[in-house]
PDB file of all heavy atoms in Angstrom:
ATOM      1  N   SER A   1       5.106   6.996 -17.090  1.00  0.00           N
ATOM      2  CA  SER A   1       4.010   6.021 -17.010  1.00  0.00           C
ATOM      3  C   SER A   1       3.237   6.137 -15.704  1.00  0.00           C
ATOM      4  O   SER A   1       2.086   5.673 -15.615  1.00  0.00           O
ATOM      5  CB  SER A   1       4.556   4.595 -17.162  1.00  0.00           C
ATOM      6  OG  SER A   1       5.397   4.250 -16.070  1.00  0.00           O
ATOM      7  N   TRP A   2       3.828   6.768 -14.660  1.00  0.00           N
ATOM      8  CA  TRP A   2       3.120   6.946 -13.397  1.00  0.00           C
ATOM      9  C   TRP A   2       1.941   7.901 -13.539  1.00  0.00           C
ATOM     10  O   TRP A   2       1.040   7.889 -12.695  1.00  0.00           O
ATOM     11  CB  TRP A   2       4.074   7.471 -12.325  1.00  0.00           C
ATOM     12  CG  TRP A   2       5.007   6.439 -11.773  1.00  0.00           C
ATOM     13  CD1 TRP A   2       6.359   6.364 -11.957  1.00  0.00           C
ATOM     14  CD2 TRP A   2       4.661   5.323 -10.954  1.00  0.00           C
ATOM     15  NE1 TRP A   2       6.877   5.275 -11.308  1.00  0.00           N
ATOM     16  CE2 TRP A   2       5.870   4.616 -10.680  1.00  0.00           C
ATOM     17  CE3 TRP A   2       3.456   4.841 -10.421  1.00  0.00           C
ATOM     18  CZ2 TRP A   2       5.876   3.461  -9.893  1.00  0.00           C
ATOM     19  CZ3 TRP A   2       3.484   3.694  -9.644  1.00  0.00           C
ATOM     20  CH2 TRP A   2       4.674   3.018  -9.388  1.00  0.00           C
ATOM     21  N   ARG A   3       1.930   8.701 -14.592  1.00  0.00           N
ATOM     22  CA  ARG A   3       0.820   9.655 -14.774  1.00  0.00           C
ATOM     23  C   ARG A   3      -0.527   8.954 -14.875  1.00  0.00           C
ATOM     24  O   ARG A   3      -1.535   9.468 -14.378  1.00  0.00           O
ATOM     25  CB  ARG A   3       1.048  10.493 -16.040  1.00  0.00           C
ATOM     26  CG  ARG A   3       2.198  11.487 -15.941  1.00  0.00           C
ATOM     27  CD  ARG A   3       2.354  12.272 -17.237  1.00  0.00           C
ATOM     28  NE  ARG A   3       3.397  13.279 -17.137  1.00  0.00           N
ATOM     29  CZ  ARG A   3       3.218  14.518 -16.677  1.00  0.00           C
ATOM     30  NH1 ARG A   3       2.008  14.894 -16.279  1.00  0.00           N
ATOM     31  NH2 ARG A   3       4.211  15.367 -16.626  1.00  0.00           N
ATOM     32  N   ASP A   4      -0.547   7.819 -15.534  1.00  0.00           N
ATOM     33  CA  ASP A   4      -1.818   7.117 -15.765  1.00  0.00           C
ATOM     34  C   ASP A   4      -1.835   5.719 -15.147  1.00  0.00           C
ATOM     35  O   ASP A   4      -2.662   4.884 -15.514  1.00  0.00           O
ATOM     36  CB  ASP A   4      -2.073   7.003 -17.276  1.00  0.00           C
ATOM     37  CG  ASP A   4      -2.105   8.360 -17.957  1.00  0.00           C
ATOM     38  OD1 ASP A   4      -2.847   9.239 -17.481  1.00  0.00           O
ATOM     39  OD2 ASP A   4      -1.372   8.544 -18.946  1.00  0.00           O
ATOM     40  N   ALA A   5      -0.944   5.477 -14.216  1.00  0.00           N
ATOM     41  CA  ALA A   5      -0.853   4.141 -13.620  1.00  0.00           C
ATOM     42  C   ALA A   5      -2.096   3.837 -12.789  1.00  0.00           C
ATOM     43  O   ALA A   5      -2.650   4.719 -12.124  1.00  0.00           O
ATOM     44  CB  ALA A   5       0.398   4.048 -12.749  1.00  0.00           C
ATOM     45  N   PRO A   6      -2.559   2.594 -12.809  1.00  0.00           N
ATOM     46  CA  PRO A   6      -3.688   2.219 -11.947  1.00  0.00           C
ATOM     47  C   PRO A   6      -3.276   2.295 -10.481  1.00  0.00           C
ATOM     48  O   PRO A   6      -2.089   2.334 -10.149  1.00  0.00           O
ATOM     49  CB  PRO A   6      -4.001   0.785 -12.367  1.00  0.00           C
ATOM     50  CG  PRO A   6      -2.722   0.278 -12.954  1.00  0.00           C
ATOM     51  CD  PRO A   6      -2.062   1.451 -13.605  1.00  0.00           C
ATOM     52  N   PHE A   7      -4.263   2.287  -9.607  1.00  0.00           N
ATOM     53  CA  PHE A   7      -3.968   2.382  -8.182  1.00  0.00           C
ATOM     54  C   PHE A   7      -3.176   1.158  -7.749  1.00  0.00           C
ATOM     55  O   PHE A   7      -3.597   0.018  -7.970  1.00  0.00           O
ATOM     56  CB  PHE A   7      -5.264   2.479  -7.380  1.00  0.00           C
ATOM     57  CG  PHE A   7      -5.046   2.883  -5.949  1.00  0.00           C
ATOM     58  CD1 PHE A   7      -4.736   4.201  -5.626  1.00  0.00           C
ATOM     59  CD2 PHE A   7      -5.125   1.949  -4.926  1.00  0.00           C
ATOM     60  CE1 PHE A   7      -4.516   4.576  -4.310  1.00  0.00           C
ATOM     61  CE2 PHE A   7      -4.909   2.318  -3.610  1.00  0.00           C
ATOM     62  CZ  PHE A   7      -4.602   3.643  -3.302  1.00  0.00           C
ATOM     63  N   PRO A   8      -2.003   1.345  -7.137  1.00  0.00           N
ATOM     64  CA  PRO A   8      -1.143   0.204  -6.807  1.00  0.00           C
ATOM     65  C   PRO A   8      -1.722  -0.665  -5.693  1.00  0.00           C
ATOM     66  O   PRO A   8      -2.446  -0.181  -4.822  1.00  0.00           O
ATOM     67  CB  PRO A   8       0.163   0.870  -6.339  1.00  0.00           C
ATOM     68  CG  PRO A   8       0.059   2.309  -6.771  1.00  0.00           C
ATOM     69  CD  PRO A   8      -1.398   2.630  -6.785  1.00  0.00           C
ATOM     70  N   GLU A   9      -1.369  -1.937  -5.723  1.00  0.00           N
ATOM     71  CA  GLU A   9      -1.705  -2.820  -4.618  1.00  0.00           C
ATOM     72  C   GLU A   9      -0.931  -2.370  -3.380  1.00  0.00           C
ATOM     73  O   GLU A   9       0.260  -2.066  -3.448  1.00  0.00           O
ATOM     74  CB  GLU A   9      -1.320  -4.258  -4.951  1.00  0.00           C
ATOM     75  CG  GLU A   9      -1.567  -5.237  -3.811  1.00  0.00           C
ATOM     76  CD  GLU A   9      -0.976  -6.602  -4.072  1.00  0.00           C
ATOM     77  OE1 GLU A   9      -0.307  -6.772  -5.113  1.00  0.00           O
ATOM     78  OE2 GLU A   9      -1.165  -7.496  -3.219  1.00  0.00           O
ATOM     79  N   LYS A  10      -1.615  -2.325  -2.251  1.00  0.00           N
ATOM     80  CA  LYS A  10      -0.984  -1.862  -1.018  1.00  0.00           C
ATOM     81  C   LYS A  10      -0.656  -3.064  -0.119  1.00  0.00           C
ATOM     82  O   LYS A  10      -1.547  -3.764   0.365  1.00  0.00           O
ATOM     83  CB  LYS A  10      -1.903  -0.886  -0.278  1.00  0.00           C
ATOM     84  CG  LYS A  10      -2.264   0.356  -1.091  1.00  0.00           C
ATOM     85  CD  LYS A  10      -1.052   1.199  -1.471  1.00  0.00           C
ATOM     86  CE  LYS A  10      -1.448   2.468  -2.204  1.00  0.00           C
ATOM     87  NZ  LYS A  10      -0.276   3.305  -2.560  1.00  0.00           N
ATOM     88  N   THR A  11       0.642  -3.262   0.096  1.00  0.00           N
ATOM     89  CA  THR A  11       1.089  -4.355   0.949  1.00  0.00           C
ATOM     90  C   THR A  11       1.563  -3.866   2.311  1.00  0.00           C
ATOM     91  O   THR A  11       1.781  -4.683   3.212  1.00  0.00           O
ATOM     92  CB  THR A  11       2.247  -5.114   0.270  1.00  0.00           C
ATOM     93  OG1 THR A  11       3.327  -4.200   0.024  1.00  0.00           O
ATOM     94  CG2 THR A  11       1.792  -5.718  -1.058  1.00  0.00           C
ATOM     95  N   HIS A  12       1.768  -2.550   2.442  1.00  0.00           N
ATOM     96  CA  HIS A  12       2.232  -1.976   3.702  1.00  0.00           C
ATOM     97  C   HIS A  12       1.433  -0.717   4.022  1.00  0.00           C
ATOM     98  O   HIS A  12       0.772  -0.138   3.149  1.00  0.00           O
ATOM     99  CB  HIS A  12       3.724  -1.627   3.631  1.00  0.00           C
ATOM    100  CG  HIS A  12       4.624  -2.828   3.614  1.00  0.00           C
ATOM    101  ND1 HIS A  12       4.864  -3.560   2.465  1.00  0.00           N
ATOM    102  CD2 HIS A  12       5.320  -3.440   4.613  1.00  0.00           C
ATOM    103  CE1 HIS A  12       5.683  -4.557   2.751  1.00  0.00           C
ATOM    104  NE2 HIS A  12       5.968  -4.513   4.034  1.00  0.00           N
ATOM    105  N   ASP A  13       1.501  -0.326   5.264  1.00  0.00           N
ATOM    106  CA  ASP A  13       0.795   0.886   5.701  1.00  0.00           C
ATOM    107  C   ASP A  13       1.648   2.141   5.537  1.00  0.00           C
ATOM    108  O   ASP A  13       1.130   3.194   5.173  1.00  0.00           O
ATOM    109  CB  ASP A  13       0.392   0.747   7.176  1.00  0.00           C
ATOM    110  CG  ASP A  13      -0.584  -0.388   7.396  1.00  0.00           C
ATOM    111  OD1 ASP A  13      -1.547  -0.501   6.606  1.00  0.00           O
ATOM    112  OD2 ASP A  13      -0.402  -1.158   8.365  1.00  0.00           O
ATOM    113  N   LEU A  14       2.942   2.025   5.820  1.00  0.00           N
ATOM    114  CA  LEU A  14       3.812   3.206   5.843  1.00  0.00           C
ATOM    115  C   LEU A  14       5.176   2.855   5.270  1.00  0.00           C
ATOM    116  O   LEU A  14       5.736   1.800   5.584  1.00  0.00           O
ATOM    117  CB  LEU A  14       3.972   3.706   7.281  1.00  0.00           C
ATOM    118  CG  LEU A  14       4.845   4.951   7.496  1.00  0.00           C
ATOM    119  CD1 LEU A  14       4.166   6.190   6.932  1.00  0.00           C
ATOM    120  CD2 LEU A  14       5.120   5.150   8.995  1.00  0.00           C
ATOM    121  N   PHE A  15       5.688   3.749   4.452  1.00  0.00           N
ATOM    122  CA  PHE A  15       7.004   3.565   3.835  1.00  0.00           C
ATOM    123  C   PHE A  15       7.928   4.679   4.306  1.00  0.00           C
ATOM    124  O   PHE A  15       7.538   5.838   4.409  1.00  0.00           O
ATOM    125  CB  PHE A  15       6.880   3.623   2.311  1.00  0.00           C
ATOM    126  CG  PHE A  15       8.196   3.553   1.569  1.00  0.00           C
ATOM    127  CD1 PHE A  15       8.757   2.330   1.235  1.00  0.00           C
ATOM    128  CD2 PHE A  15       8.874   4.714   1.212  1.00  0.00           C
ATOM    129  CE1 PHE A  15       9.962   2.260   0.554  1.00  0.00           C
ATOM    130  CE2 PHE A  15      10.083   4.660   0.535  1.00  0.00           C
ATOM    131  CZ  PHE A  15      10.621   3.431   0.202  1.00  0.00           C
ATOM    132  N   PHE A  16       9.188   4.299   4.586  1.00  0.00           N
ATOM    133  CA  PHE A  16      10.205   5.323   4.844  1.00  0.00           C
ATOM    134  C   PHE A  16      11.563   4.818   4.411  1.00  0.00           C
ATOM    135  O   PHE A  16      11.976   3.706   4.780  1.00  0.00           O
ATOM    136  CB  PHE A  16      10.278   5.727   6.312  1.00  0.00           C
ATOM    137  CG  PHE A  16      11.426   6.678   6.582  1.00  0.00           C
ATOM    138  CD1 PHE A  16      11.415   7.964   6.066  1.00  0.00           C
ATOM    139  CD2 PHE A  16      12.539   6.262   7.303  1.00  0.00           C
ATOM    140  CE1 PHE A  16      12.478   8.833   6.268  1.00  0.00           C
ATOM    141  CE2 PHE A  16      13.607   7.128   7.525  1.00  0.00           C
ATOM    142  CZ  PHE A  16      13.583   8.415   7.004  1.00  0.00           C
ATOM    143  N   SER A  17      12.249   5.628   3.628  1.00  0.00           N
ATOM    144  CA  SER A  17      13.626   5.352   3.247  1.00  0.00           C
ATOM    145  C   SER A  17      14.334   6.695   3.153  1.00  0.00           C
ATOM    146  O   SER A  17      13.976   7.533   2.323  1.00  0.00           O
ATOM    147  CB  SER A  17      13.678   4.628   1.890  1.00  0.00           C
ATOM    148  OG  SER A  17      15.012   4.461   1.466  1.00  0.00           O
ATOM    149  N   GLY A  18      15.303   6.908   4.021  1.00  0.00           N
ATOM    150  CA  GLY A  18      15.996   8.191   4.005  1.00  0.00           C
ATOM    151  C   GLY A  18      17.118   8.241   5.013  1.00  0.00           C
ATOM    152  O   GLY A  18      17.170   7.426   5.952  1.00  0.00           O
ATOM    153  N   GLY A  19      18.010   9.193   4.833  1.00  0.00           N
ATOM    154  CA  GLY A  19      19.129   9.360   5.731  1.00  0.00           C
ATOM    155  C   GLY A  19      18.695   9.907   7.083  1.00  0.00           C
ATOM    156  O   GLY A  19      17.795  10.738   7.172  1.00  0.00           O
ATOM    157  N   ILE A  20      19.333   9.435   8.128  1.00  0.00           N
ATOM    158  CA  ILE A  20      19.048   9.888   9.491  1.00  0.00           C
ATOM    159  C   ILE A  20      20.274  10.577  10.080  1.00  0.00           C
ATOM    160  O   ILE A  20      20.209  11.727  10.524  1.00  0.00           O
ATOM    161  CB  ILE A  20      18.632   8.720  10.398  1.00  0.00           C
ATOM    162  CG1 ILE A  20      17.364   8.040   9.847  1.00  0.00           C
ATOM    163  CG2 ILE A  20      18.404   9.223  11.821  1.00  0.00           C
ATOM    164  CD1 ILE A  20      16.137   8.902   9.880  1.00  0.00           C
ATOM    165  N   VAL A  21      21.392   9.883  10.063  1.00  0.00           N
ATOM    166  CA  VAL A  21      22.620  10.417  10.651  1.00  0.00           C
ATOM    167  C   VAL A  21      23.093  11.619   9.838  1.00  0.00           C
ATOM    168  O   VAL A  21      23.207  11.550   8.612  1.00  0.00           O
ATOM    169  CB  VAL A  21      23.718   9.343  10.691  1.00  0.00           C
ATOM    170  CG1 VAL A  21      25.012   9.927  11.261  1.00  0.00           C
ATOM    171  CG2 VAL A  21      23.262   8.151  11.520  1.00  0.00           C
ATOM    172  N   GLY A  22      23.336  12.728  10.536  1.00  0.00           N
ATOM    173  CA  GLY A  22      23.789  13.929   9.858  1.00  0.00           C
ATOM    174  C   GLY A  22      22.685  14.674   9.150  1.00  0.00           C
ATOM    175  O   GLY A  22      22.959  15.598   8.367  1.00  0.00           O
ATOM    176  N   ASN A  23      21.444  14.311   9.391  1.00  0.00           N
ATOM    177  CA  ASN A  23      20.324  14.967   8.723  1.00  0.00           C
ATOM    178  C   ASN A  23      19.478  15.691   9.762  1.00  0.00           C
ATOM    179  O   ASN A  23      19.901  15.948  10.878  1.00  0.00           O
ATOM    180  CB  ASN A  23      19.507  13.941   7.933  1.00  0.00           C
ATOM    181  CG  ASN A  23      18.875  14.520   6.694  1.00  0.00           C
ATOM    182  OD1 ASN A  23      18.054  15.417   6.767  1.00  0.00           O
ATOM    183  ND2 ASN A  23      19.277  14.004   5.536  1.00  0.00           N
ATOM    184  N   SER A  24      18.241  15.986   9.411  1.00  0.00           N
ATOM    185  CA  SER A  24      17.351  16.755  10.268  1.00  0.00           C
ATOM    186  C   SER A  24      17.058  16.034  11.581  1.00  0.00           C
ATOM    187  O   SER A  24      16.863  14.808  11.612  1.00  0.00           O
ATOM    188  CB  SER A  24      16.037  17.023   9.528  1.00  0.00           C
ATOM    189  OG  SER A  24      15.057  17.523  10.388  1.00  0.00           O
ATOM    190  N   THR A  25      16.974  16.795  12.656  1.00  0.00           N
ATOM    191  CA  THR A  25      16.585  16.220  13.946  1.00  0.00           C
ATOM    192  C   THR A  25      15.140  15.744  13.929  1.00  0.00           C
ATOM    193  O   THR A  25      14.748  14.893  14.741  1.00  0.00           O
ATOM    194  CB  THR A  25      16.769  17.247  15.072  1.00  0.00           C
ATOM    195  OG1 THR A  25      15.987  18.425  14.783  1.00  0.00           O
ATOM    196  CG2 THR A  25      18.228  17.652  15.220  1.00  0.00           C
ATOM    197  N   VAL A  26      14.341  16.265  13.015  1.00  0.00           N
ATOM    198  CA  VAL A  26      12.956  15.812  12.878  1.00  0.00           C
ATOM    199  C   VAL A  26      12.928  14.330  12.503  1.00  0.00           C
ATOM    200  O   VAL A  26      12.086  13.563  12.979  1.00  0.00           O
ATOM    201  CB  VAL A  26      12.202  16.661  11.837  1.00  0.00           C
ATOM    202  CG1 VAL A  26      10.804  16.108  11.597  1.00  0.00           C
ATOM    203  CG2 VAL A  26      12.128  18.114  12.289  1.00  0.00           C
ATOM    204  N   ARG A  27      13.848  13.937  11.645  1.00  0.00           N
ATOM    205  CA  ARG A  27      13.906  12.525  11.251  1.00  0.00           C
ATOM    206  C   ARG A  27      14.324  11.642  12.424  1.00  0.00           C
ATOM    207  O   ARG A  27      13.718  10.600  12.674  1.00  0.00           O
ATOM    208  CB  ARG A  27      14.886  12.356  10.088  1.00  0.00           C
ATOM    209  CG  ARG A  27      14.460  13.060   8.817  1.00  0.00           C
ATOM    210  CD  ARG A  27      15.362  12.703   7.659  1.00  0.00           C
ATOM    211  NE  ARG A  27      14.939  13.357   6.427  1.00  0.00           N
ATOM    212  CZ  ARG A  27      15.408  13.066   5.216  1.00  0.00           C
ATOM    213  NH1 ARG A  27      16.332  12.127   5.083  1.00  0.00           N
ATOM    214  NH2 ARG A  27      14.972  13.715   4.156  1.00  0.00           N
ATOM    215  N   ALA A  28      15.368  12.056  13.112  1.00  0.00           N
ATOM    216  CA  ALA A  28      15.848  11.255  14.245  1.00  0.00           C
ATOM    217  C   ALA A  28      14.771  11.108  15.310  1.00  0.00           C
ATOM    218  O   ALA A  28      14.595  10.025  15.893  1.00  0.00           O
ATOM    219  CB  ALA A  28      17.100  11.907  14.840  1.00  0.00           C
ATOM    220  N   ALA A  29      14.024  12.171  15.561  1.00  0.00           N
ATOM    221  CA  ALA A  29      12.995  12.132  16.591  1.00  0.00           C
ATOM    222  C   ALA A  29      11.855  11.188  16.224  1.00  0.00           C
ATOM    223  O   ALA A  29      11.197  10.620  17.102  1.00  0.00           O
ATOM    224  CB  ALA A  29      12.456  13.544  16.836  1.00  0.00           C
ATOM    225  N   GLY A  30      11.618  11.018  14.927  1.00  0.00           N
ATOM    226  CA  GLY A  30      10.497  10.179  14.504  1.00  0.00           C
ATOM    227  C   GLY A  30      10.768   8.694  14.542  1.00  0.00           C
ATOM    228  O   GLY A  30       9.821   7.885  14.499  1.00  0.00           O
ATOM    229  N   LEU A  31      12.031   8.290  14.631  1.00  0.00           N
ATOM    230  CA  LEU A  31      12.346   6.853  14.586  1.00  0.00           C
ATOM    231  C   LEU A  31      11.707   6.080  15.734  1.00  0.00           C
ATOM    232  O   LEU A  31      11.192   4.975  15.539  1.00  0.00           O
ATOM    233  CB  LEU A  31      13.857   6.656  14.600  1.00  0.00           C
ATOM    234  CG  LEU A  31      14.601   7.020  13.318  1.00  0.00           C
ATOM    235  CD1 LEU A  31      16.081   6.720  13.476  1.00  0.00           C
ATOM    236  CD2 LEU A  31      14.036   6.256  12.123  1.00  0.00           C
ATOM    237  N   ALA A  32      11.731   6.647  16.924  1.00  0.00           N
ATOM    238  CA  ALA A  32      11.126   5.960  18.076  1.00  0.00           C
ATOM    239  C   ALA A  32       9.628   5.786  17.867  1.00  0.00           C
ATOM    240  O   ALA A  32       9.043   4.767  18.269  1.00  0.00           O
ATOM    241  CB  ALA A  32      11.402   6.740  19.352  1.00  0.00           C
ATOM    242  N   GLU A  33       9.009   6.743  17.227  1.00  0.00           N
ATOM    243  CA  GLU A  33       7.565   6.640  16.978  1.00  0.00           C
ATOM    244  C   GLU A  33       7.275   5.575  15.929  1.00  0.00           C
ATOM    245  O   GLU A  33       6.232   4.899  15.986  1.00  0.00           O
ATOM    246  CB  GLU A  33       7.007   8.003  16.584  1.00  0.00           C
ATOM    247  CG  GLU A  33       7.218   9.047  17.678  1.00  0.00           C
ATOM    248  CD  GLU A  33       6.329  10.262  17.527  1.00  0.00           C
ATOM    249  OE1 GLU A  33       5.141  10.100  17.194  1.00  0.00           O
ATOM    250  OE2 GLU A  33       6.834  11.378  17.757  1.00  0.00           O
ATOM    251  N   LEU A  34       8.169   5.418  14.955  1.00  0.00           N
ATOM    252  CA  LEU A  34       7.997   4.330  13.995  1.00  0.00           C
ATOM    253  C   LEU A  34       8.028   2.979  14.709  1.00  0.00           C
ATOM    254  O   LEU A  34       7.245   2.074  14.389  1.00  0.00           O
ATOM    255  CB  LEU A  34       9.098   4.372  12.935  1.00  0.00           C
ATOM    256  CG  LEU A  34       9.084   5.517  11.919  1.00  0.00           C
ATOM    257  CD1 LEU A  34      10.100   5.237  10.808  1.00  0.00           C
ATOM    258  CD2 LEU A  34       7.699   5.737  11.309  1.00  0.00           C
ATOM    259  N   GLU A  35       8.933   2.833  15.673  1.00  0.00           N
ATOM    260  CA  GLU A  35       9.022   1.571  16.408  1.00  0.00           C
ATOM    261  C   GLU A  35       7.748   1.310  17.209  1.00  0.00           C
ATOM    262  O   GLU A  35       7.264   0.173  17.283  1.00  0.00           O
ATOM    263  CB  GLU A  35      10.236   1.590  17.341  1.00  0.00           C
ATOM    264  CG  GLU A  35      11.574   1.592  16.611  1.00  0.00           C
ATOM    265  CD  GLU A  35      11.723   0.402  15.677  1.00  0.00           C
ATOM    266  OE1 GLU A  35      11.366  -0.731  16.100  1.00  0.00           O
ATOM    267  OE2 GLU A  35      12.171   0.598  14.525  1.00  0.00           O
ATOM    268  N   ARG A  36       7.193   2.357  17.791  1.00  0.00           N
ATOM    269  CA  ARG A  36       5.945   2.168  18.545  1.00  0.00           C
ATOM    270  C   ARG A  36       4.789   1.835  17.613  1.00  0.00           C
ATOM    271  O   ARG A  36       3.894   1.055  17.962  1.00  0.00           O
ATOM    272  CB  ARG A  36       5.656   3.421  19.375  1.00  0.00           C
ATOM    273  CG  ARG A  36       6.611   3.599  20.550  1.00  0.00           C
ATOM    274  CD  ARG A  36       6.099   4.626  21.539  1.00  0.00           C
ATOM    275  NE  ARG A  36       6.124   5.990  21.019  1.00  0.00           N
ATOM    276  CZ  ARG A  36       7.164   6.814  21.121  1.00  0.00           C
ATOM    277  NH1 ARG A  36       8.290   6.406  21.723  1.00  0.00           N
ATOM    278  NH2 ARG A  36       7.099   8.042  20.658  1.00  0.00           N
ATOM    279  N   LEU A  37       4.789   2.413  16.418  1.00  0.00           N
ATOM    280  CA  LEU A  37       3.752   2.087  15.444  1.00  0.00           C
ATOM    281  C   LEU A  37       3.871   0.625  15.004  1.00  0.00           C
ATOM    282  O   LEU A  37       2.862  -0.083  14.861  1.00  0.00           O
ATOM    283  CB  LEU A  37       3.860   3.022  14.233  1.00  0.00           C
ATOM    284  CG  LEU A  37       3.362   4.449  14.452  1.00  0.00           C
ATOM    285  CD1 LEU A  37       3.818   5.359  13.314  1.00  0.00           C
ATOM    286  CD2 LEU A  37       1.830   4.484  14.565  1.00  0.00           C
ATOM    287  N   LYS A  38       5.108   0.177  14.803  1.00  0.00           N
ATOM    288  CA  LYS A  38       5.310  -1.240  14.463  1.00  0.00           C
ATOM    289  C   LYS A  38       4.759  -2.149  15.562  1.00  0.00           C
ATOM    290  O   LYS A  38       4.085  -3.149  15.283  1.00  0.00           O
ATOM    291  CB  LYS A  38       6.806  -1.524  14.276  1.00  0.00           C
ATOM    292  CG  LYS A  38       7.414  -0.990  13.002  1.00  0.00           C
ATOM    293  CD  LYS A  38       8.899  -1.361  12.952  1.00  0.00           C
ATOM    294  CE  LYS A  38       9.580  -0.771  11.741  1.00  0.00           C
ATOM    295  NZ  LYS A  38      11.049  -1.080  11.705  1.00  0.00           N
ATOM    296  N   ALA A  39       5.050  -1.793  16.807  1.00  0.00           N
ATOM    297  CA  ALA A  39       4.582  -2.596  17.937  1.00  0.00           C
ATOM    298  C   ALA A  39       3.061  -2.620  18.016  1.00  0.00           C
ATOM    299  O   ALA A  39       2.472  -3.595  18.526  1.00  0.00           O
ATOM    300  CB  ALA A  39       5.167  -2.048  19.237  1.00  0.00           C
ATOM    301  N   ALA A  40       2.427  -1.577  17.502  1.00  0.00           N
ATOM    302  CA  ALA A  40       0.963  -1.497  17.515  1.00  0.00           C
ATOM    303  C   ALA A  40       0.346  -2.206  16.312  1.00  0.00           C
ATOM    304  O   ALA A  40      -0.880  -2.195  16.166  1.00  0.00           O
ATOM    305  CB  ALA A  40       0.529  -0.034  17.539  1.00  0.00           C
ATOM    306  N   GLY A  41       1.183  -2.794  15.449  1.00  0.00           N
ATOM    307  CA  GLY A  41       0.657  -3.564  14.323  1.00  0.00           C
ATOM    308  C   GLY A  41       0.667  -2.844  12.992  1.00  0.00           C
ATOM    309  O   GLY A  41       0.173  -3.391  11.992  1.00  0.00           O
ATOM    310  N   VAL A  42       1.220  -1.639  12.925  1.00  0.00           N
ATOM    311  CA  VAL A  42       1.305  -0.923  11.652  1.00  0.00           C
ATOM    312  C   VAL A  42       2.395  -1.570  10.801  1.00  0.00           C
ATOM    313  O   VAL A  42       3.526  -1.785  11.255  1.00  0.00           O
ATOM    314  CB  VAL A  42       1.614   0.573  11.885  1.00  0.00           C
ATOM    315  CG1 VAL A  42       1.829   1.286  10.562  1.00  0.00           C
ATOM    316  CG2 VAL A  42       0.492   1.225  12.666  1.00  0.00           C
ATOM    317  N   ARG A  43       2.065  -1.898   9.569  1.00  0.00           N
ATOM    318  CA  ARG A  43       3.010  -2.557   8.658  1.00  0.00           C
ATOM    319  C   ARG A  43       3.905  -1.493   8.022  1.00  0.00           C
ATOM    320  O   ARG A  43       3.434  -0.704   7.189  1.00  0.00           O
ATOM    321  CB  ARG A  43       2.254  -3.328   7.589  1.00  0.00           C
ATOM    322  CG  ARG A  43       1.349  -4.447   8.105  1.00  0.00           C
ATOM    323  CD  ARG A  43       0.448  -4.966   7.008  1.00  0.00           C
ATOM    324  NE  ARG A  43      -0.406  -3.901   6.480  1.00  0.00           N
ATOM    325  CZ  ARG A  43      -1.123  -3.999   5.363  1.00  0.00           C
ATOM    326  NH1 ARG A  43      -1.062  -5.101   4.634  1.00  0.00           N
ATOM    327  NH2 ARG A  43      -1.890  -2.988   4.963  1.00  0.00           N
TER     328      ARG A  43
END
């Protein structure tokens, strides 16, 4: 049904859900930047 779904309502700016511990260092490095984005008002 996602093939023809209408454009979803956007309640947030950025979504992330994923493993950090034991995973890529790229993910771990980005967490601090997510916190700074939150502090800047990014939902």
